[in-house]
């Protein structure tokens, strides 16, 4: 059985990227796609869907 790891850091980074995503959506619509990989990646890491060793 694997030890549980803290996901607080990943939740913080997800909300950080989400804020950037929302700002870019309203201010610089053409650059919205640049923040999407960060938000999706850190959301999946915070939910323990992916794990990098």
Protein backbone atom coordinates (compact mmCIF):
# COMPACT_ATOMS: atom_id res chain seq x y z
CA UNK A 1 0.00 0.00 0.00
CA UNK A 2 1.35 3.39 -0.97
CA UNK A 3 1.63 6.32 1.39
CA UNK A 4 -0.73 9.24 0.84
CA UNK A 5 0.99 12.35 -0.39
CA UNK A 6 -0.12 15.90 0.26
CA UNK A 7 -1.97 17.51 -2.62
CA UNK A 8 -2.24 21.01 -1.12
CA UNK A 9 0.58 22.32 -3.30
CA UNK A 10 -1.15 21.03 -6.43
CA UNK A 11 -4.50 22.55 -5.44
CA UNK A 12 -2.79 25.90 -4.96
CA UNK A 13 -1.11 25.66 -8.36
CA UNK A 14 -4.39 24.63 -9.99
CA UNK A 15 -6.23 27.67 -8.61
CA UNK A 16 -3.31 29.88 -9.63
CA UNK A 17 -3.48 28.61 -13.21
CA UNK A 18 -7.28 28.84 -13.15
CA UNK A 19 -7.05 32.52 -12.21
CA UNK A 20 -4.60 33.11 -15.06
CA UNK A 21 -6.93 31.20 -17.37
CA UNK A 22 -9.93 33.37 -16.46
CA UNK A 23 -7.96 36.60 -16.82
CA UNK A 24 -6.66 35.55 -20.21
CA UNK A 25 -10.16 34.54 -21.30
CA UNK A 26 -11.47 38.06 -20.71
CA UNK A 27 -8.41 40.22 -21.43
CA UNK A 28 -6.34 38.39 -24.06
CA UNK A 29 -8.72 35.89 -25.59
CA UNK A 30 -6.18 34.71 -28.18
CA UNK A 31 -3.73 33.64 -25.42
CA UNK A 32 -6.33 31.66 -23.44
CA UNK A 33 -4.91 28.35 -24.70
CA UNK A 34 -1.47 29.00 -23.17
CA UNK A 35 -2.78 28.58 -19.60
CA UNK A 36 -4.96 25.55 -20.33
CA UNK A 37 -2.23 22.86 -20.03
CA UNK A 38 -1.14 24.16 -16.61
CA UNK A 39 -4.68 24.17 -15.25
CA UNK A 40 -5.49 20.69 -16.55
CA UNK A 41 -2.19 19.19 -15.41
CA UNK A 42 -2.35 20.51 -11.85
CA UNK A 43 -6.04 19.62 -11.53
CA UNK A 44 -5.29 16.03 -12.47
CA UNK A 45 -2.33 15.91 -10.07
CA UNK A 46 -4.42 17.38 -7.23
CA UNK A 47 -7.07 14.70 -7.84
CA UNK A 48 -4.34 12.00 -7.89
CA UNK A 49 -5.27 10.99 -11.42
CA UNK A 50 -1.64 11.14 -12.59
CA UNK A 51 1.53 10.77 -10.60
CA UNK A 52 5.06 11.64 -11.69
CA UNK A 53 7.85 9.88 -9.88
